[in-house]
mmCIF file of all heavy atoms, coordinates in Angstrom:
data_MODEL
# 
_entry.id   MODEL 
# 
loop_
_atom_site.group_PDB 
_atom_site.id 
_atom_site.type_symbol 
_atom_site.label_atom_id 
_atom_site.label_alt_id 
_atom_site.label_comp_id 
_atom_site.label_asym_id 
_atom_site.label_entity_id 
_atom_site.label_seq_id 
_atom_site.pdbx_PDB_ins_code 
_atom_site.Cartn_x 
_atom_site.Cartn_y 
_atom_site.Cartn_z 
_atom_site.occupancy 
_atom_site.B_iso_or_equiv 
_atom_site.pdbx_formal_charge 
_atom_site.auth_seq_id 
_atom_site.auth_comp_id 
_atom_site.auth_asym_id 
_atom_site.auth_atom_id 
_atom_site.pdbx_PDB_model_num 
ATOM 1   N N   . GLY A 1 1  ? 239.054 -39.093 -41.528 1.00 0.00 ? 1  GLY A N   1 
ATOM 2   C CA  . GLY A 1 1  ? 239.053 -40.086 -42.593 1.00 0.00 ? 1  GLY A CA  1 
ATOM 3   C C   . GLY A 1 1  ? 238.732 -39.548 -43.973 1.00 0.00 ? 1  GLY A C   1 
ATOM 4   O O   . GLY A 1 1  ? 237.574 -39.524 -44.381 1.00 0.00 ? 1  GLY A O   1 
ATOM 5   N N   . PHE A 1 2  ? 239.770 -39.096 -44.697 1.00 0.00 ? 2  PHE A N   1 
ATOM 6   C CA  . PHE A 1 2  ? 239.610 -38.626 -46.065 1.00 0.00 ? 2  PHE A CA  1 
ATOM 7   C C   . PHE A 1 2  ? 240.330 -39.597 -46.995 1.00 0.00 ? 2  PHE A C   1 
ATOM 8   O O   . PHE A 1 2  ? 241.554 -39.755 -46.918 1.00 0.00 ? 2  PHE A O   1 
ATOM 9   C CB  . PHE A 1 2  ? 240.172 -37.215 -46.217 1.00 0.00 ? 2  PHE A CB  1 
ATOM 10  C CG  . PHE A 1 2  ? 239.474 -36.201 -45.363 1.00 0.00 ? 2  PHE A CG  1 
ATOM 11  C CD1 . PHE A 1 2  ? 240.086 -35.671 -44.240 1.00 0.00 ? 2  PHE A CD1 1 
ATOM 12  C CD2 . PHE A 1 2  ? 238.185 -35.787 -45.668 1.00 0.00 ? 2  PHE A CD2 1 
ATOM 13  C CE1 . PHE A 1 2  ? 239.439 -34.737 -43.443 1.00 0.00 ? 2  PHE A CE1 1 
ATOM 14  C CE2 . PHE A 1 2  ? 237.527 -34.855 -44.879 1.00 0.00 ? 2  PHE A CE2 1 
ATOM 15  C CZ  . PHE A 1 2  ? 238.149 -34.326 -43.768 1.00 0.00 ? 2  PHE A CZ  1 
ATOM 16  N N   . TYR A 1 3  ? 239.566 -40.236 -47.882 1.00 0.00 ? 3  TYR A N   1 
ATOM 17  C CA  . TYR A 1 3  ? 240.103 -41.259 -48.767 1.00 0.00 ? 3  TYR A CA  1 
ATOM 18  C C   . TYR A 1 3  ? 240.659 -40.672 -50.051 1.00 0.00 ? 3  TYR A C   1 
ATOM 19  O O   . TYR A 1 3  ? 240.049 -39.781 -50.648 1.00 0.00 ? 3  TYR A O   1 
ATOM 20  C CB  . TYR A 1 3  ? 239.030 -42.304 -49.095 1.00 0.00 ? 3  TYR A CB  1 
ATOM 21  C CG  . TYR A 1 3  ? 238.679 -43.168 -47.920 1.00 0.00 ? 3  TYR A CG  1 
ATOM 22  C CD1 . TYR A 1 3  ? 237.668 -42.788 -47.043 1.00 0.00 ? 3  TYR A CD1 1 
ATOM 23  C CD2 . TYR A 1 3  ? 239.367 -44.346 -47.674 1.00 0.00 ? 3  TYR A CD2 1 
ATOM 24  C CE1 . TYR A 1 3  ? 237.351 -43.573 -45.954 1.00 0.00 ? 3  TYR A CE1 1 
ATOM 25  C CE2 . TYR A 1 3  ? 239.050 -45.136 -46.590 1.00 0.00 ? 3  TYR A CE2 1 
ATOM 26  C CZ  . TYR A 1 3  ? 238.039 -44.739 -45.721 1.00 0.00 ? 3  TYR A CZ  1 
ATOM 27  O OH  . TYR A 1 3  ? 237.734 -45.520 -44.638 1.00 0.00 ? 3  TYR A OH  1 
ATOM 28  N N   . GLU A 1 4  ? 241.777 -41.183 -50.472 1.00 0.00 ? 4  GLU A N   1 
ATOM 29  C CA  . GLU A 1 4  ? 242.422 -40.719 -51.695 1.00 0.00 ? 4  GLU A CA  1 
ATOM 30  C C   . GLU A 1 4  ? 241.542 -40.960 -52.917 1.00 0.00 ? 4  GLU A C   1 
ATOM 31  O O   . GLU A 1 4  ? 241.443 -40.114 -53.803 1.00 0.00 ? 4  GLU A O   1 
ATOM 32  C CB  . GLU A 1 4  ? 243.748 -41.454 -51.857 1.00 0.00 ? 4  GLU A CB  1 
ATOM 33  C CG  . GLU A 1 4  ? 244.653 -40.880 -52.922 1.00 0.00 ? 4  GLU A CG  1 
ATOM 34  C CD  . GLU A 1 4  ? 245.394 -39.627 -52.466 1.00 0.00 ? 4  GLU A CD  1 
ATOM 35  O OE1 . GLU A 1 4  ? 245.159 -39.152 -51.345 1.00 0.00 ? 4  GLU A OE1 1 
ATOM 36  O OE2 . GLU A 1 4  ? 246.189 -39.126 -53.250 1.00 0.00 ? 4  GLU A OE2 1 
ATOM 37  N N   . SER A 1 5  ? 240.916 -42.109 -52.982 1.00 0.00 ? 5  SER A N   1 
ATOM 38  C CA  . SER A 1 5  ? 240.155 -42.483 -54.167 1.00 0.00 ? 5  SER A CA  1 
ATOM 39  C C   . SER A 1 5  ? 238.853 -41.697 -54.295 1.00 0.00 ? 5  SER A C   1 
ATOM 40  O O   . SER A 1 5  ? 238.333 -41.533 -55.396 1.00 0.00 ? 5  SER A O   1 
ATOM 41  C CB  . SER A 1 5  ? 239.840 -43.984 -54.148 1.00 0.00 ? 5  SER A CB  1 
ATOM 42  O OG  . SER A 1 5  ? 239.193 -44.340 -52.942 1.00 0.00 ? 5  SER A OG  1 
ATOM 43  N N   . ILE A 1 6  ? 238.310 -41.219 -53.182 1.00 0.00 ? 6  ILE A N   1 
ATOM 44  C CA  . ILE A 1 6  ? 237.058 -40.458 -53.228 1.00 0.00 ? 6  ILE A CA  1 
ATOM 45  C C   . ILE A 1 6  ? 237.070 -39.410 -52.117 1.00 0.00 ? 6  ILE A C   1 
ATOM 46  O O   . ILE A 1 6  ? 236.400 -39.533 -51.082 1.00 0.00 ? 6  ILE A O   1 
ATOM 47  C CB  . ILE A 1 6  ? 235.819 -41.388 -53.137 1.00 0.00 ? 6  ILE A CB  1 
ATOM 48  C CG1 . ILE A 1 6  ? 234.531 -40.571 -53.181 1.00 0.00 ? 6  ILE A CG1 1 
ATOM 49  C CG2 . ILE A 1 6  ? 235.892 -42.340 -51.965 1.00 0.00 ? 6  ILE A CG2 1 
ATOM 50  C CD1 . ILE A 1 6  ? 233.276 -41.381 -53.380 1.00 0.00 ? 6  ILE A CD1 1 
ATOM 51  N N   . PRO A 1 7  ? 237.876 -38.355 -52.293 1.00 0.00 ? 7  PRO A N   1 
ATOM 52  C CA  . PRO A 1 7  ? 237.956 -37.315 -51.256 1.00 0.00 ? 7  PRO A CA  1 
ATOM 53  C C   . PRO A 1 7  ? 236.624 -36.634 -51.007 1.00 0.00 ? 7  PRO A C   1 
ATOM 54  O O   . PRO A 1 7  ? 236.360 -36.164 -49.900 1.00 0.00 ? 7  PRO A O   1 
ATOM 55  C CB  . PRO A 1 7  ? 238.992 -36.334 -51.833 1.00 0.00 ? 7  PRO A CB  1 
ATOM 56  C CG  . PRO A 1 7  ? 238.967 -36.565 -53.312 1.00 0.00 ? 7  PRO A CG  1 
ATOM 57  C CD  . PRO A 1 7  ? 238.697 -38.034 -53.470 1.00 0.00 ? 7  PRO A CD  1 
ATOM 58  N N   . ASP A 1 8  ? 235.779 -36.589 -52.043 1.00 0.00 ? 8  ASP A N   1 
ATOM 59  C CA  . ASP A 1 8  ? 234.469 -35.938 -51.918 1.00 0.00 ? 8  ASP A CA  1 
ATOM 60  C C   . ASP A 1 8  ? 233.630 -36.570 -50.805 1.00 0.00 ? 8  ASP A C   1 
ATOM 61  O O   . ASP A 1 8  ? 232.861 -35.888 -50.129 1.00 0.00 ? 8  ASP A O   1 
ATOM 62  C CB  . ASP A 1 8  ? 233.704 -36.054 -53.237 1.00 0.00 ? 8  ASP A CB  1 
ATOM 63  C CG  . ASP A 1 8  ? 234.580 -35.738 -54.438 1.00 0.00 ? 8  ASP A CG  1 
ATOM 64  O OD1 . ASP A 1 8  ? 235.292 -36.647 -54.894 1.00 0.00 ? 8  ASP A OD1 1 
ATOM 65  O OD2 . ASP A 1 8  ? 234.559 -34.598 -54.896 1.00 0.00 ? 8  ASP A OD2 1 
ATOM 66  N N   . LEU A 1 9  ? 233.781 -37.876 -50.625 1.00 0.00 ? 9  LEU A N   1 
ATOM 67  C CA  . LEU A 1 9  ? 232.981 -38.594 -49.635 1.00 0.00 ? 9  LEU A CA  1 
ATOM 68  C C   . LEU A 1 9  ? 233.299 -38.120 -48.224 1.00 0.00 ? 9  LEU A C   1 
ATOM 69  O O   . LEU A 1 9  ? 232.402 -37.824 -47.424 1.00 0.00 ? 9  LEU A O   1 
ATOM 70  C CB  . LEU A 1 9  ? 233.229 -40.094 -49.765 1.00 0.00 ? 9  LEU A CB  1 
ATOM 71  C CG  . LEU A 1 9  ? 232.422 -41.007 -48.839 1.00 0.00 ? 9  LEU A CG  1 
ATOM 72  C CD1 . LEU A 1 9  ? 230.937 -40.844 -49.100 1.00 0.00 ? 9  LEU A CD1 1 
ATOM 73  C CD2 . LEU A 1 9  ? 232.838 -42.464 -49.048 1.00 0.00 ? 9  LEU A CD2 1 
ATOM 74  N N   . GLY A 1 10 ? 234.584 -38.012 -47.891 1.00 0.00 ? 10 GLY A N   1 
ATOM 75  C CA  . GLY A 1 10 ? 234.969 -37.556 -46.565 1.00 0.00 ? 10 GLY A CA  1 
ATOM 76  C C   . GLY A 1 10 ? 234.608 -36.099 -46.331 1.00 0.00 ? 10 GLY A C   1 
ATOM 77  O O   . GLY A 1 10 ? 234.137 -35.722 -45.252 1.00 0.00 ? 10 GLY A O   1 
ATOM 78  N N   . LEU A 1 11 ? 234.827 -35.257 -47.346 1.00 0.00 ? 11 LEU A N   1 
ATOM 79  C CA  . LEU A 1 11 ? 234.507 -33.846 -47.192 1.00 0.00 ? 11 LEU A CA  1 
ATOM 80  C C   . LEU A 1 11 ? 233.021 -33.650 -46.911 1.00 0.00 ? 11 LEU A C   1 
ATOM 81  O O   . LEU A 1 11 ? 232.641 -32.880 -46.024 1.00 0.00 ? 11 LEU A O   1 
ATOM 82  C CB  . LEU A 1 11 ? 234.909 -33.082 -48.457 1.00 0.00 ? 11 LEU A CB  1 
ATOM 83  C CG  . LEU A 1 11 ? 236.411 -32.993 -48.747 1.00 0.00 ? 11 LEU A CG  1 
ATOM 84  C CD1 . LEU A 1 11 ? 236.651 -32.368 -50.112 1.00 0.00 ? 11 LEU A CD1 1 
ATOM 85  C CD2 . LEU A 1 11 ? 237.124 -32.194 -47.654 1.00 0.00 ? 11 LEU A CD2 1 
ATOM 86  N N   . GLN A 1 12 ? 232.181 -34.352 -47.676 1.00 0.00 ? 12 GLN A N   1 
ATOM 87  C CA  . GLN A 1 12 ? 230.741 -34.230 -47.459 1.00 0.00 ? 12 GLN A CA  1 
ATOM 88  C C   . GLN A 1 12 ? 230.348 -34.789 -46.095 1.00 0.00 ? 12 GLN A C   1 
ATOM 89  O O   . GLN A 1 12 ? 229.576 -34.171 -45.356 1.00 0.00 ? 12 GLN A O   1 
ATOM 90  C CB  . GLN A 1 12 ? 229.984 -34.951 -48.573 1.00 0.00 ? 12 GLN A CB  1 
ATOM 91  C CG  . GLN A 1 12 ? 228.484 -34.745 -48.559 1.00 0.00 ? 12 GLN A CG  1 
ATOM 92  C CD  . GLN A 1 12 ? 227.741 -35.737 -47.680 1.00 0.00 ? 12 GLN A CD  1 
ATOM 93  O OE1 . GLN A 1 12 ? 228.286 -36.791 -47.347 1.00 0.00 ? 12 GLN A OE1 1 
ATOM 94  N NE2 . GLN A 1 12 ? 226.513 -35.418 -47.319 1.00 0.00 ? 12 GLN A NE2 1 
ATOM 95  N N   . GLY A 1 13 ? 230.875 -35.964 -45.754 1.00 0.00 ? 13 GLY A N   1 
ATOM 96  C CA  . GLY A 1 13 ? 230.475 -36.610 -44.520 1.00 0.00 ? 13 GLY A CA  1 
ATOM 97  C C   . GLY A 1 13 ? 230.920 -35.874 -43.278 1.00 0.00 ? 13 GLY A C   1 
ATOM 98  O O   . GLY A 1 13 ? 230.152 -35.729 -42.316 1.00 0.00 ? 13 GLY A O   1 
ATOM 99  N N   . VAL A 1 14 ? 232.144 -35.369 -43.283 1.00 0.00 ? 14 VAL A N   1 
ATOM 100 C CA  . VAL A 1 14 ? 232.726 -34.760 -42.083 1.00 0.00 ? 14 VAL A CA  1 
ATOM 101 C C   . VAL A 1 14 ? 232.357 -33.289 -41.940 1.00 0.00 ? 14 VAL A C   1 
ATOM 102 O O   . VAL A 1 14 ? 232.175 -32.792 -40.824 1.00 0.00 ? 14 VAL A O   1 
ATOM 103 C CB  . VAL A 1 14 ? 234.264 -34.916 -42.111 1.00 0.00 ? 14 VAL A CB  1 
ATOM 104 C CG1 . VAL A 1 14 ? 234.926 -34.108 -41.006 1.00 0.00 ? 14 VAL A CG1 1 
ATOM 105 C CG2 . VAL A 1 14 ? 234.649 -36.387 -41.983 1.00 0.00 ? 14 VAL A CG2 1 
ATOM 106 N N   . LEU A 1 15 ? 232.215 -32.582 -43.065 1.00 0.00 ? 15 LEU A N   1 
ATOM 107 C CA  . LEU A 1 15 ? 232.113 -31.130 -43.005 1.00 0.00 ? 15 LEU A CA  1 
ATOM 108 C C   . LEU A 1 15 ? 230.772 -30.546 -43.431 1.00 0.00 ? 15 LEU A C   1 
ATOM 109 O O   . LEU A 1 15 ? 230.446 -29.423 -43.038 1.00 0.00 ? 15 LEU A O   1 
ATOM 110 C CB  . LEU A 1 15 ? 233.212 -30.514 -43.888 1.00 0.00 ? 15 LEU A CB  1 
ATOM 111 C CG  . LEU A 1 15 ? 234.648 -30.770 -43.459 1.00 0.00 ? 15 LEU A CG  1 
ATOM 112 C CD1 . LEU A 1 15 ? 235.619 -30.224 -44.504 1.00 0.00 ? 15 LEU A CD1 1 
ATOM 113 C CD2 . LEU A 1 15 ? 234.933 -30.135 -42.107 1.00 0.00 ? 15 LEU A CD2 1 
ATOM 114 N N   . GLN A 1 16 ? 230.027 -31.269 -44.266 1.00 0.00 ? 16 GLN A N   1 
ATOM 115 C CA  . GLN A 1 16 ? 228.776 -30.703 -44.775 1.00 0.00 ? 16 GLN A CA  1 
ATOM 116 C C   . GLN A 1 16 ? 227.813 -30.419 -43.619 1.00 0.00 ? 16 GLN A C   1 
ATOM 117 O O   . GLN A 1 16 ? 227.611 -31.257 -42.742 1.00 0.00 ? 16 GLN A O   1 
ATOM 118 C CB  . GLN A 1 16 ? 228.125 -31.668 -45.758 1.00 0.00 ? 16 GLN A CB  1 
ATOM 119 C CG  . GLN A 1 16 ? 227.016 -31.066 -46.588 1.00 0.00 ? 16 GLN A CG  1 
ATOM 120 C CD  . GLN A 1 16 ? 227.536 -30.186 -47.718 1.00 0.00 ? 16 GLN A CD  1 
ATOM 121 O OE1 . GLN A 1 16 ? 228.586 -30.476 -48.273 1.00 0.00 ? 16 GLN A OE1 1 
ATOM 122 N NE2 . GLN A 1 16 ? 226.816 -29.137 -48.047 1.00 0.00 ? 16 GLN A NE2 1 
ATOM 123 N N   . SER A 1 17 ? 227.225 -29.242 -43.645 1.00 0.00 ? 17 SER A N   1 
ATOM 124 C CA  . SER A 1 17 ? 226.383 -28.812 -42.517 1.00 0.00 ? 17 SER A CA  1 
ATOM 125 C C   . SER A 1 17 ? 225.264 -29.781 -42.189 1.00 0.00 ? 17 SER A C   1 
ATOM 126 O O   . SER A 1 17 ? 224.951 -30.014 -41.015 1.00 0.00 ? 17 SER A O   1 
ATOM 127 C CB  . SER A 1 17 ? 225.783 -27.429 -42.818 1.00 0.00 ? 17 SER A CB  1 
ATOM 128 O OG  . SER A 1 17 ? 226.795 -26.465 -42.964 1.00 0.00 ? 17 SER A OG  1 
ATOM 129 N N   . ASP A 1 18 ? 224.633 -30.372 -43.228 1.00 0.00 ? 18 ASP A N   1 
ATOM 130 C CA  . ASP A 1 18 ? 223.484 -31.243 -42.996 1.00 0.00 ? 18 ASP A CA  1 
ATOM 131 C C   . ASP A 1 18 ? 223.827 -32.729 -43.053 1.00 0.00 ? 18 ASP A C   1 
ATOM 132 O O   . ASP A 1 18 ? 222.935 -33.570 -43.116 1.00 0.00 ? 18 ASP A O   1 
ATOM 133 C CB  . ASP A 1 18 ? 222.380 -30.940 -44.008 1.00 0.00 ? 18 ASP A CB  1 
ATOM 134 C CG  . ASP A 1 18 ? 222.855 -31.103 -45.450 1.00 0.00 ? 18 ASP A CG  1 
ATOM 135 O OD1 . ASP A 1 18 ? 224.037 -31.406 -45.676 1.00 0.00 ? 18 ASP A OD1 1 
ATOM 136 O OD2 . ASP A 1 18 ? 222.013 -30.924 -46.364 1.00 0.00 ? 18 ASP A OD2 1 
ATOM 137 N N   . SER A 1 19 ? 225.102 -33.064 -43.013 1.00 0.00 ? 19 SER A N   1 
ATOM 138 C CA  . SER A 1 19 ? 225.493 -34.475 -43.078 1.00 0.00 ? 19 SER A CA  1 
ATOM 139 C C   . SER A 1 19 ? 225.219 -35.173 -41.749 1.00 0.00 ? 19 SER A C   1 
ATOM 140 O O   . SER A 1 19 ? 225.627 -34.684 -40.688 1.00 0.00 ? 19 SER A O   1 
ATOM 141 C CB  . SER A 1 19 ? 226.986 -34.601 -43.410 1.00 0.00 ? 19 SER A CB  1 
ATOM 142 O OG  . SER A 1 19 ? 227.426 -35.939 -43.225 1.00 0.00 ? 19 SER A OG  1 
ATOM 143 N N   . PRO A 1 20 ? 224.563 -36.337 -41.776 1.00 0.00 ? 20 PRO A N   1 
ATOM 144 C CA  . PRO A 1 20 ? 224.306 -37.062 -40.531 1.00 0.00 ? 20 PRO A CA  1 
ATOM 145 C C   . PRO A 1 20 ? 225.578 -37.626 -39.900 1.00 0.00 ? 20 PRO A C   1 
ATOM 146 O O   . PRO A 1 20 ? 225.571 -37.980 -38.725 1.00 0.00 ? 20 PRO A O   1 
ATOM 147 C CB  . PRO A 1 20 ? 223.358 -38.190 -40.978 1.00 0.00 ? 20 PRO A CB  1 
ATOM 148 C CG  . PRO A 1 20 ? 223.616 -38.365 -42.434 1.00 0.00 ? 20 PRO A CG  1 
ATOM 149 C CD  . PRO A 1 20 ? 223.954 -37.004 -42.954 1.00 0.00 ? 20 PRO A CD  1 
ATOM 150 N N   . SER A 1 21 ? 226.670 -37.721 -40.666 1.00 0.00 ? 21 SER A N   1 
ATOM 151 C CA  . SER A 1 21 ? 227.930 -38.236 -40.112 1.00 0.00 ? 21 SER A CA  1 
ATOM 152 C C   . SER A 1 21 ? 228.890 -37.121 -39.731 1.00 0.00 ? 21 SER A C   1 
ATOM 153 O O   . SER A 1 21 ? 230.071 -37.361 -39.482 1.00 0.00 ? 21 SER A O   1 
ATOM 154 C CB  . SER A 1 21 ? 228.596 -39.190 -41.121 1.00 0.00 ? 21 SER A CB  1 
ATOM 155 O OG  . SER A 1 21 ? 228.764 -38.573 -42.383 1.00 0.00 ? 21 SER A OG  1 
ATOM 156 N N   . ASN A 1 22 ? 228.387 -35.897 -39.664 1.00 0.00 ? 22 ASN A N   1 
ATOM 157 C CA  . ASN A 1 22 ? 229.174 -34.754 -39.216 1.00 0.00 ? 22 ASN A CA  1 
ATOM 158 C C   . ASN A 1 22 ? 229.222 -34.786 -37.695 1.00 0.00 ? 22 ASN A C   1 
ATOM 159 O O   . ASN A 1 22 ? 228.453 -34.119 -37.004 1.00 0.00 ? 22 ASN A O   1 
ATOM 160 C CB  . ASN A 1 22 ? 228.531 -33.463 -39.735 1.00 0.00 ? 22 ASN A CB  1 
ATOM 161 C CG  . ASN A 1 22 ? 229.303 -32.212 -39.379 1.00 0.00 ? 22 ASN A CG  1 
ATOM 162 O OD1 . ASN A 1 22 ? 230.086 -32.194 -38.441 1.00 0.00 ? 22 ASN A OD1 1 
ATOM 163 N ND2 . ASN A 1 22 ? 229.051 -31.149 -40.126 1.00 0.00 ? 22 ASN A ND2 1 
ATOM 164 N N   . THR A 1 23 ? 230.132 -35.603 -37.173 1.00 0.00 ? 23 THR A N   1 
ATOM 165 C CA  . THR A 1 23 ? 230.183 -35.885 -35.734 1.00 0.00 ? 23 THR A CA  1 
ATOM 166 C C   . THR A 1 23 ? 230.456 -34.642 -34.901 1.00 0.00 ? 23 THR A C   1 
ATOM 167 O O   . THR A 1 23 ? 229.967 -34.511 -33.777 1.00 0.00 ? 23 THR A O   1 
ATOM 168 C CB  . THR A 1 23 ? 231.260 -36.949 -35.453 1.00 0.00 ? 23 THR A CB  1 
ATOM 169 O OG1 . THR A 1 23 ? 231.020 -38.076 -36.289 1.00 0.00 ? 23 THR A OG1 1 
ATOM 170 C CG2 . THR A 1 23 ? 231.239 -37.383 -34.007 1.00 0.00 ? 23 THR A CG2 1 
ATOM 171 N N   . ALA A 1 24 ? 231.238 -33.710 -35.435 1.00 0.00 ? 24 ALA A N   1 
ATOM 172 C CA  . ALA A 1 24 ? 231.594 -32.515 -34.675 1.00 0.00 ? 24 ALA A CA  1 
ATOM 173 C C   . ALA A 1 24 ? 230.452 -31.504 -34.603 1.00 0.00 ? 24 ALA A C   1 
ATOM 174 O O   . ALA A 1 24 ? 230.495 -30.581 -33.792 1.00 0.00 ? 24 ALA A O   1 
ATOM 175 C CB  . ALA A 1 24 ? 232.822 -31.856 -35.294 1.00 0.00 ? 24 ALA A CB  1 
ATOM 176 N N   . GLY A 1 25 ? 229.427 -31.648 -35.465 1.00 0.00 ? 25 GLY A N   1 
ATOM 177 C CA  . GLY A 1 25 ? 228.350 -30.676 -35.487 1.00 0.00 ? 25 GLY A CA  1 
ATOM 178 C C   . GLY A 1 25 ? 228.775 -29.356 -36.104 1.00 0.00 ? 25 GLY A C   1 
ATOM 179 O O   . GLY A 1 25 ? 228.171 -28.310 -35.851 1.00 0.00 ? 25 GLY A O   1 
ATOM 180 N N   . TYR A 1 26 ? 229.802 -29.384 -36.943 1.00 0.00 ? 26 TYR A N   1 
ATOM 181 C CA  . TYR A 1 26 ? 230.316 -28.191 -37.610 1.00 0.00 ? 26 TYR A CA  1 
ATOM 182 C C   . TYR A 1 26 ? 229.353 -27.778 -38.717 1.00 0.00 ? 26 TYR A C   1 
ATOM 183 O O   . TYR A 1 26 ? 228.896 -28.614 -39.499 1.00 0.00 ? 26 TYR A O   1 
ATOM 184 C CB  . TYR A 1 26 ? 231.692 -28.509 -38.188 1.00 0.00 ? 26 TYR A CB  1 
ATOM 185 C CG  . TYR A 1 26 ? 232.305 -27.456 -39.077 1.00 0.00 ? 26 TYR A CG  1 
ATOM 186 C CD1 . TYR A 1 26 ? 232.936 -26.336 -38.544 1.00 0.00 ? 26 TYR A CD1 1 
ATOM 187 C CD2 . TYR A 1 26 ? 232.290 -27.610 -40.463 1.00 0.00 ? 26 TYR A CD2 1 
ATOM 188 C CE1 . TYR A 1 26 ? 233.526 -25.390 -39.362 1.00 0.00 ? 26 TYR A CE1 1 
ATOM 189 C CE2 . TYR A 1 26 ? 232.885 -26.666 -41.297 1.00 0.00 ? 26 TYR A CE2 1 
ATOM 190 C CZ  . TYR A 1 26 ? 233.494 -25.560 -40.741 1.00 0.00 ? 26 TYR A CZ  1 
ATOM 191 O OH  . TYR A 1 26 ? 234.090 -24.633 -41.564 1.00 0.00 ? 26 TYR A OH  1 
ATOM 192 N N   . ALA A 1 27 ? 229.055 -26.491 -38.796 1.00 0.00 ? 27 ALA A N   1 
ATOM 193 C CA  . ALA A 1 27 ? 228.156 -25.986 -39.839 1.00 0.00 ? 27 ALA A CA  1 
ATOM 194 C C   . ALA A 1 27 ? 228.668 -24.638 -40.317 1.00 0.00 ? 27 ALA A C   1 
ATOM 195 O O   . ALA A 1 27 ? 228.776 -23.690 -39.532 1.00 0.00 ? 27 ALA A O   1 
ATOM 196 C CB  . ALA A 1 27 ? 226.734 -25.851 -39.301 1.00 0.00 ? 27 ALA A CB  1 
# 
C-alpha cells in the first residue's frame, strides 16, 4: 500500500526498520 498523494507514509510504514507497521520485519 503506497499512496500517490503521500508516498512517504507507505515507505516509512512498510520499510522503516523501527516502524510498528513493518509487518514483514524487514530491517
